[in-house]
Amino acid sequence: MDPVSIITSYGPRFLDGTLMTLQLTGLGALMAAFISPFFALLRVSTPTAAQLPLRLYISFIRGTPLLVQLFLVYYGSGQFRPVLQEWGLWGFFRDPFNCALFTFVVNSTAYQTEILRGALMGVDLREVEAGKAIGMSRWRILQRIYFPHAYRIAWPALGNEIILLMKASALASVVTVFDLMGRTRQVFSRTFDFSSYLWAALIYLGITIIFVYVWRQMELRMTRHMQTKSSGAEGKQRHG
């Protein structure tokens, strides 16, 4: 089959796989985004000894391949089936999609935590002191100073993490989750036409391009007041 025939004949399969990839990536990154701020705070505000379990978790996740983590969850959960059944969790872990999603959340949380930890450490302490001087509570300082500045610093790195997670989601196909790569392998097994992988690569590229554009627009909105100040300062210098 020629490349055009591949996409016209198997377009619905590619679309179904693309939607599954977006679902895995979106849910994984979003759930990790809810958990990672709390872990990042623990990393910067608690004693080293108290951080030990969290640091071991992050070191393990960052030091092992995602594929190994996926196998540990998918195949390892079967080894603990009686315990999981007793706890009422076997229904969750018997589903390949749930295992893949759980693995992606655990993986992305570790990376997002470290990204945010670095960003929190990069916040200007003079602004924090100013917040304390006007009577802000600790929660208000976190809400108005620490996290807004930290997310502006971390935004590009967080975008890169989501892109990496999206590309890594192709590994979900090895545990029978029919994401984009899983559907592509199905198409190839029927046609033996390598152009099916070319179409998959183009779809991944298209998703990445759109995501980078949207993420960049969000970054510009977050920093527009800084750009306005910068433009104003430059204008004063020129007129001066």
Protein backbone atom coordinates (compact mmCIF):
# COMPACT_ATOMS: atom_id res chain seq x y z
CA MET A 1 0.00 0.00 0.00
CA ASP A 2 1.15 3.54 -0.69
CA PRO A 3 1.40 6.06 2.19
CA VAL A 4 -1.82 7.83 1.25
CA SER A 5 -3.77 4.56 1.19
CA ILE A 6 -2.45 3.70 4.65
CA ILE A 7 -3.86 6.85 6.23
CA THR A 8 -7.15 6.72 4.31
CA SER A 9 -7.74 3.06 5.11
CA TYR A 10 -6.56 3.07 8.72
CA GLY A 11 -7.20 6.69 9.65
CA PRO A 12 -9.77 5.82 12.35
CA ARG A 13 -7.23 3.53 14.03
CA PHE A 14 -4.59 6.26 14.03
CA LEU A 15 -7.15 8.72 15.40
CA ASP A 16 -8.21 6.32 18.15
CA GLY A 17 -4.56 5.75 19.11
CA THR A 18 -3.85 9.48 19.08
CA LEU A 19 -6.75 10.17 21.42
CA MET A 20 -5.51 7.43 23.77
CA THR A 21 -2.01 8.95 23.74
CA LEU A 22 -3.42 12.39 24.54
CA GLN A 23 -5.56 10.92 27.31
CA LEU A 24 -2.61 9.10 28.91
CA THR A 25 -0.32 12.10 28.65
CA GLY A 26 -2.87 14.68 29.73
CA LEU A 27 -4.16 12.76 32.74
CA GLY A 28 -0.66 11.70 33.77
CA ALA A 29 0.78 15.21 33.59
CA LEU A 30 -2.28 16.79 35.26
CA MET A 31 -2.35 14.40 38.21
CA ALA A 32 1.40 14.84 38.66
CA ALA A 33 0.92 18.61 38.59
CA PHE A 34 -1.45 18.37 41.58
CA ILE A 35 0.94 16.23 43.64
CA SER A 36 4.33 17.73 42.80
CA PRO A 37 3.88 21.17 44.48
CA PHE A 38 3.39 19.50 47.86
CA PHE A 39 6.42 17.28 47.35
CA ALA A 40 8.48 20.26 46.18
CA LEU A 41 7.58 22.16 49.35
CA LEU A 42 8.69 19.19 51.43
CA ARG A 43 11.98 19.15 49.53
CA VAL A 44 12.77 22.77 50.36
CA SER A 45 11.23 23.22 53.81
CA THR A 46 11.80 20.04 55.82
CA PRO A 47 14.96 18.63 57.43
CA THR A 48 17.08 16.29 55.32
CA ALA A 49 16.25 13.26 57.48
CA ALA A 50 12.52 13.83 57.02
CA GLN A 51 13.01 14.01 53.25
CA LEU A 52 14.68 10.61 53.04
CA PRO A 53 11.66 8.57 51.78
CA LEU A 54 10.83 11.25 49.22
CA ARG A 55 14.44 11.53 48.05
CA LEU A 56 14.70 7.74 47.69
CA TYR A 57 11.51 7.71 45.61
CA ILE A 58 12.75 10.51 43.34
CA SER A 59 16.18 8.92 42.97
CA PHE A 60 14.65 5.55 42.06
CA ILE A 61 12.31 7.05 39.46
CA ARG A 62 14.96 9.26 37.88
CA GLY A 63 17.55 6.50 37.96
CA THR A 64 15.54 3.71 36.32
CA PRO A 65 13.95 3.46 32.84
CA LEU A 66 10.25 4.15 32.51
CA LEU A 67 9.82 0.78 30.79
CA VAL A 68 11.15 -1.01 33.88
CA GLN A 69 8.77 0.98 36.08
CA LEU A 70 5.87 0.06 33.80
CA PHE A 71 6.76 -3.64 33.97
CA LEU A 72 7.09 -3.45 37.75
CA VAL A 73 3.56 -2.05 38.05
CA TYR A 74 1.88 -4.13 35.32
CA TYR A 75 3.49 -7.51 35.96
CA GLY A 76 4.42 -6.92 39.58
CA SER A 77 0.86 -6.15 40.65
CA GLY A 78 -0.13 -9.68 39.62
CA GLN A 79 2.31 -11.07 42.17
CA PHE A 80 0.35 -9.30 44.91
CA ARG A 81 -3.11 -10.14 43.62
CA PRO A 82 -4.43 -11.61 46.93
CA VAL A 83 -3.34 -8.51 48.84
CA LEU A 84 -4.75 -6.16 46.22
CA GLN A 85 -8.01 -8.08 46.18
CA GLU A 86 -8.21 -7.81 49.95
CA TRP A 87 -7.70 -4.05 49.73
CA GLY A 88 -10.16 -3.72 46.86
CA LEU A 89 -7.47 -2.51 44.41
CA TRP A 90 -7.21 -5.47 42.07
CA GLY A 91 -9.96 -4.11 39.83
CA PHE A 92 -7.78 -1.07 39.23
CA PHE A 93 -4.47 -2.82 38.61
CA ARG A 94 -5.87 -5.53 36.36
CA ASP A 95 -6.59 -2.86 33.70
CA PRO A 96 -3.52 -2.13 31.48
CA PHE A 97 -4.60 1.50 30.99
CA ASN A 98 -4.75 2.07 34.75
CA CYS A 99 -1.32 0.51 35.21
CA ALA A 100 0.15 2.71 32.48
CA LEU A 101 -1.52 5.83 33.85
CA PHE A 102 -0.39 5.06 37.40
CA THR A 103 3.19 4.58 36.18
CA PHE A 104 3.17 7.84 34.23
CA VAL A 105 1.81 9.76 37.21
CA VAL A 106 4.45 8.32 39.53
CA ASN A 107 7.19 9.02 36.98
CA SER A 108 6.14 12.56 36.06
CA THR A 109 5.57 13.51 39.70
CA ALA A 110 9.21 12.80 40.50
CA TYR A 111 10.46 14.96 37.63
CA GLN A 112 7.99 17.79 38.20
CA THR A 113 8.88 17.80 41.89
CA GLU A 114 12.55 18.36 41.16
CA ILE A 115 11.78 21.02 38.56
CA LEU A 116 9.60 22.92 41.04
CA ARG A 117 12.12 22.45 43.84
CA GLY A 118 14.77 24.20 41.76
CA ALA A 119 12.31 26.93 40.82
CA LEU A 120 11.27 27.53 44.44
CA MET A 121 14.91 27.88 45.41
CA GLY A 122 15.28 30.47 42.64
CA VAL A 123 12.58 32.81 44.01
CA ASP A 124 13.97 36.19 45.13
CA LEU A 125 14.00 36.13 48.94
CA ARG A 126 13.69 39.92 49.04
CA GLU A 127 10.12 39.60 47.78
CA VAL A 128 9.40 37.03 50.47
CA GLU A 129 10.76 39.37 53.13
CA ALA A 130 8.63 42.17 51.71
CA GLY A 131 5.56 39.95 52.00
CA LYS A 132 6.37 39.19 55.62
CA ALA A 133 6.90 42.90 56.30
CA ILE A 134 3.36 43.77 55.23
CA GLY A 135 1.91 41.01 57.38
CA MET A 136 1.28 38.23 54.86
CA SER A 137 0.67 34.79 56.33
CA ARG A 138 2.81 31.83 55.26
CA TRP A 139 -0.02 30.49 53.12
CA ARG A 140 -0.51 33.89 51.45
CA ILE A 141 3.21 34.15 50.74
CA LEU A 142 3.15 30.73 49.10
CA GLN A 143 0.05 31.67 47.12
CA ARG A 144 1.06 35.17 46.03
CA ILE A 145 4.87 35.08 45.89
CA TYR A 146 6.51 31.67 45.97
CA PHE A 147 4.43 29.62 43.56
CA PRO A 148 3.65 32.33 40.96
CA HIS A 149 7.36 33.11 40.62
CA ALA A 150 8.36 29.45 40.79
CA TYR A 151 5.98 28.49 37.99
CA ARG A 152 7.25 31.32 35.80
CA ILE A 153 10.78 30.01 36.31
CA ALA A 154 9.82 26.36 35.85
CA TRP A 155 7.36 26.76 32.97
CA PRO A 156 9.72 25.89 30.06
CA ALA A 157 11.13 22.88 31.91
CA LEU A 158 7.63 21.67 32.80
CA GLY A 159 6.68 21.90 29.14
CA ASN A 160 9.68 19.79 28.20
CA GLU A 161 8.70 17.21 30.83
CA ILE A 162 5.20 16.90 29.36
CA ILE A 163 6.64 16.48 25.84
CA LEU A 164 8.97 13.74 27.09
CA LEU A 165 6.03 12.06 28.84
CA MET A 166 4.00 12.18 25.63
CA LYS A 167 6.78 10.52 23.64
CA ALA A 168 7.40 7.98 26.41
CA SER A 169 3.71 7.07 26.34
CA ALA A 170 4.55 4.94 23.30
CA LEU A 171 5.85 2.40 25.83
CA ALA A 172 2.28 1.77 26.96
CA SER A 173 1.77 -0.34 23.84
CA VAL A 174 4.00 -3.08 25.31
CA VAL A 175 1.35 -3.74 27.99
CA THR A 176 -1.47 -3.90 25.41
CA VAL A 177 -2.64 -0.30 25.72
CA PHE A 178 -3.67 0.73 22.22
CA ASP A 179 -2.22 4.21 22.13
CA LEU A 180 -0.85 5.70 18.91
CA MET A 181 2.12 3.33 18.83
CA GLY A 182 -0.07 0.34 19.70
CA ARG A 183 -2.44 1.14 16.81
CA THR A 184 0.52 1.70 14.50
CA ARG A 185 1.89 -1.73 15.33
CA GLN A 186 -1.54 -3.19 14.55
CA VAL A 187 -1.60 -1.46 11.17
CA PHE A 188 1.94 -2.60 10.36
CA SER A 189 1.13 -6.21 11.28
CA ARG A 190 -1.66 -6.13 8.69
CA THR A 191 0.06 -4.22 5.90
CA PHE A 192 3.81 -4.72 6.51
CA ASP A 193 4.20 -1.18 5.20
CA PHE A 194 6.82 0.88 7.04
CA SER A 195 4.99 4.09 6.09
CA SER A 196 2.59 3.38 8.95
CA TYR A 197 5.45 4.25 11.32
CA LEU A 198 6.16 7.35 9.26
CA TRP A 199 2.58 8.50 9.78
CA ALA A 200 2.89 7.82 13.51
CA ALA A 201 6.07 9.91 13.63
CA LEU A 202 4.33 12.76 11.82
CA ILE A 203 1.38 12.62 14.23
CA TYR A 204 3.72 12.74 17.23
CA LEU A 205 5.54 15.67 15.61
CA GLY A 206 2.27 17.48 14.96
CA ILE A 207 1.13 17.02 18.57
CA THR A 208 4.48 18.34 19.79
CA ILE A 209 4.39 21.42 17.54
CA ILE A 210 0.85 22.32 18.64
CA PHE A 211 1.69 21.75 22.29
CA VAL A 212 4.86 23.89 22.11
CA TYR A 213 2.90 26.73 20.49
CA VAL A 214 0.11 26.61 23.12
CA TRP A 215 2.60 26.30 25.99
CA ARG A 216 4.59 29.24 24.66
CA GLN A 217 1.46 31.39 24.45
CA MET A 218 0.64 30.52 28.05
CA GLU A 219 4.17 31.46 29.06
CA LEU A 220 3.85 34.83 27.31
CA ARG A 221 0.58 35.51 29.16
CA MET A 222 2.22 34.65 32.48
CA THR A 223 5.12 37.03 31.85
CA ARG A 224 3.39 39.83 29.95
CA HIS A 225 3.63 42.26 32.89
CA MET A 226 7.39 41.65 32.98
CA GLN A 227 7.65 42.36 29.26
CA THR A 228 5.66 45.58 29.73
CA LYS A 229 8.03 46.74 32.47
CA SER A 230 11.03 45.84 30.33
CA SER A 231 9.65 47.76 27.34
CA GLY A 232 8.92 50.77 29.55
CA ALA A 233 12.44 50.76 30.98
CA GLU A 234 13.97 50.58 27.51
CA GLY A 235 11.82 53.51 26.37
CA LYS A 236 12.94 55.65 29.31
CA GLN A 237 16.60 54.86 28.58
CA ARG A 238 16.20 55.88 24.92
CA HIS A 239 14.48 59.15 25.79
CA GLY A 240 16.98 59.82 28.55
